[in-house]
Amino acid sequence: MTQKSTENPPANPVPRHIAIIMDGNNRWAKARRLPGLAGHKAGVDCVRSVIQGCIEQGVEALTLFAFSSENWKRPPLEVKGLMELFKLALDRESKKLLKNNIRLRVIGDKSAFSASLREKIAKAEAVTAECDGLQLNVAANYGGRWDIVSAARQVAERCVSGELSPEMISEEALGEFISLSDLPEPDLCIRTGGEQRISNFLIWQFAYTELYFTDLLWPEFDKESLCKAIESYCGRERRFGKTSDQIKAEKNA
């Protein structure tokens, strides 16, 4: 990432939490006359590069959209291949994550996965549970609406049990049950592949997230591409409903 002079500091520090919609694996493979799964395998290599880039840049948390709740609609052979690739990645990478002090968490409705995949997920999460470096979150069978409904259901259960009353329900109360509530909300969302939408990803958490879109397909996205996205973010003014003058005054106070 290009260094800024101290006379013109960036508008924002490096984002604490980056979320990425990894799009374009199939198109990357199709352009090379390869099966779609080859694109997903290439995408796993890209994940390693981006993780390293986040560590080098001082990013605290990285959340990757690996498999949405809508992706079950894809061809059965592709879905089966993705599940096998997920298992393989968990087997191969968990020890590397531990060695690099990276904590892994998988968010989403894991009940739809096979027992063997759920077991591998639980094992990888347990192995890295005490790591306090980069917090790596993988969204699998995840949907933003599912996340909100799941949180609402948990709040409703507490109302039924008498722990909460309807008057006590607030953004903060509901937010406690949203995935990744213990982490800062994403500062930056990157989407590769040229599409400009968030596709039901972290819709509660994205209330004030900066969006960055690139035409690069996911297997083409690397550490240098990550640095460009971070540089774009650092040059933006985040107002959170305030005016530019208010932000400037707060910085000069």
Protein backbone atom coordinates (compact mmCIF):
# COMPACT_ATOMS: atom_id res chain seq x y z
CA MET A 1 0.00 0.00 0.00
CA THR A 2 1.35 3.41 -0.94
CA GLN A 3 2.60 5.39 2.03
CA LYS A 4 0.95 8.76 2.65
CA SER A 5 2.93 11.76 3.82
CA THR A 6 2.33 12.95 7.38
CA GLU A 7 1.20 16.33 5.97
CA ASN A 8 -1.71 14.65 4.18
CA PRO A 9 -2.79 11.80 6.43
CA PRO A 10 -5.42 9.36 5.16
CA ALA A 11 -9.03 10.13 6.03
CA ASN A 12 -9.33 6.73 7.72
CA PRO A 13 -6.94 4.28 9.35
CA VAL A 14 -6.66 0.80 7.88
CA PRO A 15 -10.04 -0.98 8.24
CA ARG A 16 -10.29 -3.14 11.32
CA HIS A 17 -12.71 -5.56 9.64
CA ILE A 18 -12.88 -6.41 5.92
CA ALA A 19 -15.61 -8.52 4.34
CA ILE A 20 -15.19 -10.01 0.88
CA ILE A 21 -17.71 -11.40 -1.60
CA MET A 22 -15.52 -13.75 -3.59
CA ASP A 23 -17.16 -13.73 -7.02
CA GLY A 24 -15.94 -14.94 -10.41
CA ASN A 25 -14.49 -18.41 -9.87
CA ASN A 26 -16.72 -20.03 -12.49
CA ARG A 27 -16.10 -17.31 -15.06
CA TRP A 28 -12.36 -17.53 -14.48
CA ALA A 29 -12.46 -21.29 -15.13
CA LYS A 30 -14.78 -20.96 -18.16
CA ALA A 31 -12.44 -18.42 -19.79
CA ARG A 32 -9.68 -21.05 -19.56
CA ARG A 33 -11.93 -23.91 -20.71
CA LEU A 34 -11.63 -25.57 -17.32
CA PRO A 35 -14.35 -27.14 -15.17
CA GLY A 36 -15.97 -24.79 -12.67
CA LEU A 37 -14.38 -26.57 -9.72
CA ALA A 38 -10.94 -25.57 -11.05
CA GLY A 39 -11.93 -21.96 -10.49
CA HIS A 40 -12.93 -22.68 -6.91
CA LYS A 41 -9.61 -24.43 -6.29
CA ALA A 42 -7.77 -21.41 -7.68
CA GLY A 43 -9.89 -19.27 -5.39
CA VAL A 44 -8.58 -21.14 -2.33
CA ASP A 45 -5.03 -20.15 -3.30
CA CYS A 46 -6.19 -16.56 -3.55
CA VAL A 47 -7.64 -16.76 -0.03
CA ARG A 48 -4.17 -17.56 1.31
CA SER A 49 -2.71 -14.48 -0.39
CA VAL A 50 -5.44 -12.17 0.91
CA ILE A 51 -5.12 -13.53 4.45
CA GLN A 52 -1.40 -12.77 4.36
CA GLY A 53 -2.14 -9.30 3.02
CA CYS A 54 -4.57 -8.61 5.85
CA ILE A 55 -2.01 -9.69 8.43
CA GLU A 56 0.64 -7.44 6.86
CA GLN A 57 -1.75 -4.47 6.78
CA GLY A 58 -2.84 -4.89 10.40
CA VAL A 59 -6.45 -5.85 9.67
CA GLU A 60 -8.07 -7.45 12.73
CA ALA A 61 -10.88 -9.45 11.11
CA LEU A 62 -11.59 -10.89 7.68
CA THR A 63 -14.97 -12.35 6.72
CA LEU A 64 -15.26 -14.32 3.49
CA PHE A 65 -18.54 -15.16 1.74
CA ALA A 66 -17.78 -18.71 0.66
CA PHE A 67 -21.21 -20.27 0.09
CA SER A 68 -24.56 -18.50 0.29
CA SER A 69 -27.87 -20.08 1.23
CA GLU A 70 -28.87 -19.52 -2.41
CA ASN A 71 -25.88 -21.45 -3.79
CA TRP A 72 -27.64 -24.77 -3.20
CA LYS A 73 -29.47 -23.97 -6.46
CA ARG A 74 -26.26 -24.55 -8.42
CA PRO A 75 -25.70 -27.81 -10.35
CA PRO A 76 -25.54 -30.77 -7.92
CA LEU A 77 -22.09 -31.84 -9.09
CA GLU A 78 -20.71 -28.35 -8.45
CA VAL A 79 -22.28 -28.23 -4.98
CA LYS A 80 -20.86 -31.67 -4.15
CA GLY A 81 -17.44 -30.57 -5.37
CA LEU A 82 -17.59 -27.42 -3.25
CA MET A 83 -18.44 -29.41 -0.13
CA GLU A 84 -15.51 -31.76 -0.76
CA LEU A 85 -13.23 -28.79 -1.38
CA PHE A 86 -14.40 -27.24 1.89
CA LYS A 87 -13.53 -30.45 3.76
CA LEU A 88 -10.12 -30.62 2.11
CA ALA A 89 -9.36 -26.99 2.93
CA LEU A 90 -10.32 -27.51 6.58
CA ASP A 91 -8.02 -30.55 6.81
CA ARG A 92 -5.09 -28.81 5.14
CA GLU A 93 -5.35 -25.32 6.56
CA SER A 94 -6.31 -25.66 10.24
CA LYS A 95 -2.76 -26.40 11.40
CA LYS A 96 -1.43 -23.52 9.29
CA LEU A 97 -4.02 -21.20 10.83
CA LEU A 98 -2.94 -22.28 14.32
CA LYS A 99 0.73 -21.77 13.45
CA ASN A 100 -0.05 -18.22 12.28
CA ASN A 101 -2.25 -17.43 15.31
CA ILE A 102 -5.41 -17.11 13.16
CA ARG A 103 -8.77 -17.94 14.69
CA LEU A 104 -11.30 -19.59 12.37
CA ARG A 105 -15.05 -19.36 12.73
CA VAL A 106 -17.70 -20.58 10.31
CA ILE A 107 -20.98 -18.65 10.36
CA GLY A 108 -24.23 -19.72 8.76
CA ASP A 109 -26.79 -22.49 9.05
CA LYS A 110 -24.51 -25.49 9.44
CA SER A 111 -27.41 -27.89 9.97
CA ALA A 112 -27.68 -28.39 6.19
CA PHE A 113 -24.13 -29.78 5.99
CA SER A 114 -23.23 -33.45 6.28
CA ALA A 115 -22.25 -34.79 9.68
CA SER A 116 -18.66 -35.28 8.51
CA LEU A 117 -18.38 -31.66 7.34
CA ARG A 118 -19.89 -30.33 10.57
CA GLU A 119 -17.36 -32.42 12.49
CA LYS A 120 -14.44 -31.00 10.51
CA ILE A 121 -15.74 -27.45 11.03
CA ALA A 122 -16.05 -27.98 14.79
CA LYS A 123 -12.55 -29.48 14.95
CA ALA A 124 -10.95 -26.59 13.02
CA GLU A 125 -12.76 -24.02 15.17
CA ALA A 126 -11.67 -25.78 18.36
CA VAL A 127 -8.04 -26.04 17.24
CA THR A 128 -7.82 -22.28 16.64
CA ALA A 129 -10.19 -21.10 19.38
CA GLU A 130 -7.43 -19.55 21.53
CA CYS A 131 -5.71 -17.71 18.66
CA ASP A 132 -5.80 -13.95 19.10
CA GLY A 133 -4.34 -12.79 15.79
CA LEU A 134 -6.41 -12.32 12.64
CA GLN A 135 -10.03 -13.34 13.17
CA LEU A 136 -10.97 -15.30 10.03
CA ASN A 137 -14.68 -15.85 9.50
CA VAL A 138 -16.05 -18.01 6.71
CA ALA A 139 -19.72 -17.54 5.81
CA ALA A 140 -21.06 -20.88 4.56
CA ASN A 141 -24.73 -21.61 3.91
CA TYR A 142 -25.13 -18.05 5.13
CA GLY A 143 -27.72 -15.42 4.28
CA GLY A 144 -28.20 -12.01 5.83
CA ARG A 145 -31.95 -12.50 6.16
CA TRP A 146 -31.38 -15.89 7.79
CA ASP A 147 -29.05 -14.15 10.26
CA ILE A 148 -31.69 -11.59 11.27
CA VAL A 149 -34.46 -14.21 11.51
CA SER A 150 -32.20 -16.40 13.66
CA ALA A 151 -31.50 -13.47 15.98
CA ALA A 152 -35.20 -12.55 16.16
CA ARG A 153 -36.07 -16.14 17.04
CA GLN A 154 -33.58 -16.11 19.92
CA VAL A 155 -34.98 -12.82 21.20
CA ALA A 156 -38.51 -14.24 20.97
CA GLU A 157 -37.45 -17.30 22.97
CA ARG A 158 -36.17 -15.03 25.73
CA CYS A 159 -39.42 -13.12 25.73
CA VAL A 160 -41.35 -16.38 26.14
CA SER A 161 -39.07 -17.45 29.00
CA GLY A 162 -39.52 -14.09 30.71
CA GLU A 163 -35.89 -12.99 30.35
CA LEU A 164 -36.98 -10.13 28.09
CA SER A 165 -40.15 -8.15 27.52
CA PRO A 166 -41.19 -6.62 24.17
CA GLU A 167 -40.38 -3.15 25.48
CA MET A 168 -36.78 -4.25 26.06
CA ILE A 169 -36.20 -5.18 22.41
CA SER A 170 -33.87 -2.64 20.77
CA GLU A 171 -31.23 -2.58 18.07
CA GLU A 172 -28.66 -3.40 20.72
CA ALA A 173 -30.70 -6.28 22.14
CA LEU A 174 -31.28 -7.84 18.72
CA GLY A 175 -27.71 -7.09 17.63
CA GLU A 176 -26.32 -9.29 20.42
CA PHE A 177 -27.64 -12.35 18.57
CA ILE A 178 -26.45 -11.37 15.08
CA SER A 179 -23.44 -13.29 13.77
CA LEU A 180 -20.04 -11.79 14.70
CA SER A 181 -21.60 -9.45 17.27
CA ASP A 182 -18.38 -9.64 19.28
CA LEU A 183 -16.35 -8.12 16.43
CA PRO A 184 -16.35 -4.57 15.05
CA GLU A 185 -18.78 -4.26 12.14
CA PRO A 186 -17.12 -4.46 8.72
CA ASP A 187 -15.51 -1.18 7.70
CA LEU A 188 -14.99 -2.29 4.11
CA CYS A 189 -16.73 -4.79 1.84
CA ILE A 190 -14.91 -5.85 -1.31
CA ARG A 191 -16.75 -7.59 -4.14
CA THR A 192 -14.84 -9.08 -7.05
CA GLY A 193 -16.22 -10.14 -10.42
CA GLY A 194 -17.71 -6.86 -11.60
CA GLU A 195 -21.14 -7.18 -9.96
CA GLN A 196 -22.29 -4.31 -7.75
CA ARG A 197 -24.57 -5.76 -5.10
CA ILE A 198 -24.18 -7.36 -1.67
CA SER A 199 -26.24 -10.50 -2.41
CA ASN A 200 -27.80 -11.02 1.02
CA PHE A 201 -24.41 -10.88 2.78
CA LEU A 202 -24.17 -9.37 6.30
CA ILE A 203 -27.08 -7.01 5.60
CA TRP A 204 -27.45 -6.08 9.28
CA GLN A 205 -23.73 -5.55 9.76
CA PHE A 206 -23.33 -3.48 6.55
CA ALA A 207 -25.34 -0.47 7.79
CA TYR A 208 -22.31 1.87 7.40
CA THR A 209 -19.83 -0.33 5.57
CA GLU A 210 -17.88 1.21 2.68
CA LEU A 211 -18.29 -0.75 -0.56
CA TYR A 212 -15.53 -1.44 -3.08
CA PHE A 213 -16.21 -3.17 -6.40
CA THR A 214 -13.62 -4.50 -8.80
CA ASP A 215 -13.87 -6.20 -12.20
CA LEU A 216 -11.13 -8.65 -11.20
CA LEU A 217 -12.39 -12.21 -10.89
CA TRP A 218 -11.68 -13.75 -7.49
CA PRO A 219 -8.74 -15.96 -8.60
CA GLU A 220 -7.12 -12.79 -10.02
CA PHE A 221 -7.40 -10.87 -6.74
CA ASP A 222 -4.17 -10.79 -4.73
CA LYS A 223 -2.35 -8.83 -2.03
CA GLU A 224 -1.70 -5.92 -4.38
CA SER A 225 -5.40 -5.79 -5.25
CA LEU A 226 -6.22 -5.83 -1.54
CA CYS A 227 -3.88 -2.91 -0.95
CA LYS A 228 -5.64 -0.89 -3.68
CA ALA A 229 -8.99 -1.54 -2.03
CA ILE A 230 -7.63 -0.48 1.36
CA GLU A 231 -6.08 2.62 -0.17
CA SER A 232 -9.45 3.56 -1.67
CA TYR A 233 -11.07 3.07 1.72
CA CYS A 234 -8.45 5.15 3.53
CA GLY A 235 -9.14 8.11 1.23
CA ARG A 236 -12.86 8.21 1.94
CA GLU A 237 -14.65 10.35 4.51
CA ARG A 238 -16.88 8.31 6.78
CA ARG A 239 -19.53 10.59 8.26
CA PHE A 240 -22.02 8.21 9.93
CA GLY A 241 -24.82 10.73 9.41
CA LYS A 242 -22.78 13.79 10.37
CA THR A 243 -21.61 16.61 8.10
CA SER A 244 -18.09 17.02 6.73
CA ASP A 245 -17.64 20.12 8.90
CA GLN A 246 -18.52 18.16 12.02
CA ILE A 247 -16.03 15.43 11.14
CA LYS A 248 -13.29 17.98 10.50
CA ALA A 249 -14.03 19.76 13.78
CA GLU A 250 -13.83 16.48 15.71
CA LYS A 251 -10.48 15.65 14.13
CA ASN A 252 -9.09 19.09 14.96
CA ALA A 253 -10.41 19.09 18.54
